[in-house]
Amino acid sequence: MKNSPVGSTRRYHHIGIPTTERREGERLVKGYATFVSGYETSAYGIEWMRFEPEAPVPELVRRVPHVAFEVDDLSAEIAGKEILIAPNSPSPGVTVAFIVENGAPVEFLQFNKK
């Protein structure tokens, strides 16, 4: 993909769409006051995200849809970029981070390979 670090690849993972509506099947991401739904049943990786007022999520992520890519080297992907959400682990086996690209949030996910 365009501007990918040397030796790294980006693979489309999902699009996250903010919503204020409760959705059937949504689940709470513990510690983040965020509900997600749809990804498991979407053929195209569409994930709906609903945030509680106390969710530690930047306003840009609350308002603007984001595209997410699976990457091999999270550190290389975010090096020199405007970090929106620093690397963190919302669930076992995955580390995520968000950057701002052209005014939009972009998420990167690195899955821990054992």
Protein backbone atom coordinates (compact mmCIF):
# COMPACT_ATOMS: atom_id res chain seq x y z
CA MET A 1 0.00 0.00 0.00
CA LYS A 2 0.99 3.61 -0.44
CA ASN A 3 3.67 4.84 1.97
CA SER A 4 3.90 1.56 3.88
CA PRO A 5 7.13 1.18 5.88
CA VAL A 6 9.82 -0.92 4.20
CA GLY A 7 9.14 -4.62 4.76
CA SER A 8 5.68 -4.03 6.22
CA THR A 9 2.26 -4.70 4.80
CA ARG A 10 -1.16 -3.35 5.68
CA ARG A 11 -4.20 -5.55 5.36
CA TYR A 12 -7.71 -4.10 5.55
CA HIS A 13 -9.34 -5.21 8.80
CA HIS A 14 -12.49 -3.13 9.34
CA ILE A 15 -14.20 0.21 9.18
CA GLY A 16 -15.40 1.62 12.49
CA ILE A 17 -18.53 3.76 12.36
CA PRO A 18 -19.54 5.84 15.38
CA THR A 19 -23.17 5.66 16.45
CA THR A 20 -25.29 6.90 19.32
CA GLU A 21 -27.90 4.17 18.81
CA ARG A 22 -27.90 0.92 20.78
CA ARG A 23 -27.47 -2.01 18.38
CA GLU A 24 -28.47 -5.62 18.71
CA GLY A 25 -25.57 -7.82 19.77
CA GLU A 26 -23.32 -4.99 20.93
CA ARG A 27 -20.68 -5.90 23.48
CA LEU A 28 -18.80 -3.78 25.96
CA VAL A 29 -15.05 -3.38 25.57
CA LYS A 30 -14.14 -3.46 29.26
CA GLY A 31 -12.12 -0.54 30.56
CA TYR A 32 -12.96 1.58 27.51
CA ALA A 33 -16.68 2.36 28.10
CA THR A 34 -17.20 1.53 24.43
CA PHE A 35 -19.72 -0.83 22.85
CA VAL A 36 -18.97 -2.53 19.53
CA SER A 37 -21.19 -4.57 17.24
CA GLY A 38 -21.50 -5.90 13.72
CA TYR A 39 -17.92 -6.91 12.95
CA GLU A 40 -18.44 -10.62 13.59
CA THR A 41 -21.40 -10.79 11.20
CA SER A 42 -20.26 -8.36 8.50
CA ALA A 43 -18.83 -9.74 5.28
CA TYR A 44 -17.01 -6.42 4.85
CA GLY A 45 -15.69 -5.73 8.34
CA ILE A 46 -18.22 -3.07 9.32
CA GLU A 47 -18.04 -2.35 13.04
CA TRP A 48 -20.41 -0.01 14.86
CA MET A 49 -19.04 1.82 17.90
CA ARG A 50 -21.09 3.47 20.65
CA PHE A 51 -19.36 5.41 23.39
CA GLU A 52 -20.40 6.11 26.97
CA PRO A 53 -19.78 9.72 28.07
CA GLU A 54 -16.79 8.64 30.17
CA ALA A 55 -15.14 6.67 27.35
CA PRO A 56 -11.45 7.66 27.11
CA VAL A 57 -11.75 8.18 23.35
CA PRO A 58 -10.81 11.35 21.42
CA GLU A 59 -13.64 13.37 19.93
CA LEU A 60 -12.36 12.66 16.40
CA VAL A 61 -12.93 8.90 16.89
CA ARG A 62 -16.37 9.58 18.41
CA ARG A 63 -17.46 11.61 15.37
CA VAL A 64 -15.57 10.38 12.29
CA PRO A 65 -15.52 6.82 10.89
CA HIS A 66 -12.10 5.19 10.83
CA VAL A 67 -10.49 2.56 8.66
CA ALA A 68 -8.40 -0.12 10.38
CA PHE A 69 -5.50 -2.15 9.05
CA GLU A 70 -3.78 -5.23 10.42
CA VAL A 71 -0.03 -4.67 10.40
CA ASP A 72 3.10 -6.70 11.15
CA ASP A 73 5.02 -3.89 12.86
CA LEU A 74 2.87 -1.38 14.75
CA SER A 75 5.84 0.69 15.87
CA ALA A 76 7.03 1.15 12.28
CA GLU A 77 3.54 2.11 11.09
CA ILE A 78 3.08 4.90 13.62
CA ALA A 79 6.67 6.22 13.63
CA GLY A 80 6.68 9.91 12.79
CA LYS A 81 2.86 10.09 12.60
CA GLU A 82 0.43 12.21 14.60
CA ILE A 83 -0.61 9.79 17.36
CA LEU A 84 -4.28 10.04 18.29
CA ILE A 85 -4.43 7.00 20.61
CA ALA A 86 -1.16 5.54 21.85
CA PRO A 87 -0.54 1.80 21.55
CA ASN A 88 -2.71 -0.19 23.95
CA SER A 89 -4.24 -3.64 24.29
CA PRO A 90 -8.07 -3.59 24.37
CA SER A 91 -8.20 -7.40 24.33
CA PRO A 92 -5.70 -10.22 24.84
CA GLY A 93 -3.38 -10.86 21.92
CA VAL A 94 -3.83 -7.55 20.10
CA THR A 95 -2.19 -4.13 20.31
CA VAL A 96 -3.83 -1.15 18.63
CA ALA A 97 -3.00 2.49 17.99
CA PHE A 98 -4.70 5.34 16.12
CA ILE A 99 -3.10 8.09 14.07
CA VAL A 100 -4.53 11.10 12.26
CA GLU A 101 -4.16 10.95 8.49
CA ASN A 102 -5.47 13.79 6.35
CA GLY A 103 -7.84 14.82 9.16
CA ALA A 104 -9.29 11.32 9.70
CA PRO A 105 -8.58 8.66 12.31
CA VAL A 106 -6.77 5.50 11.14
CA GLU A 107 -6.38 2.44 13.35
CA PHE A 108 -3.60 -0.13 13.20
CA LEU A 109 -3.86 -3.56 14.84
CA GLN A 110 -0.96 -5.90 15.50
CA PHE A 111 -1.88 -9.43 16.53
CA ASN A 112 0.59 -11.18 18.79
CA LYS A 113 1.80 -14.26 16.98
CA LYS A 114 2.79 -17.09 19.30
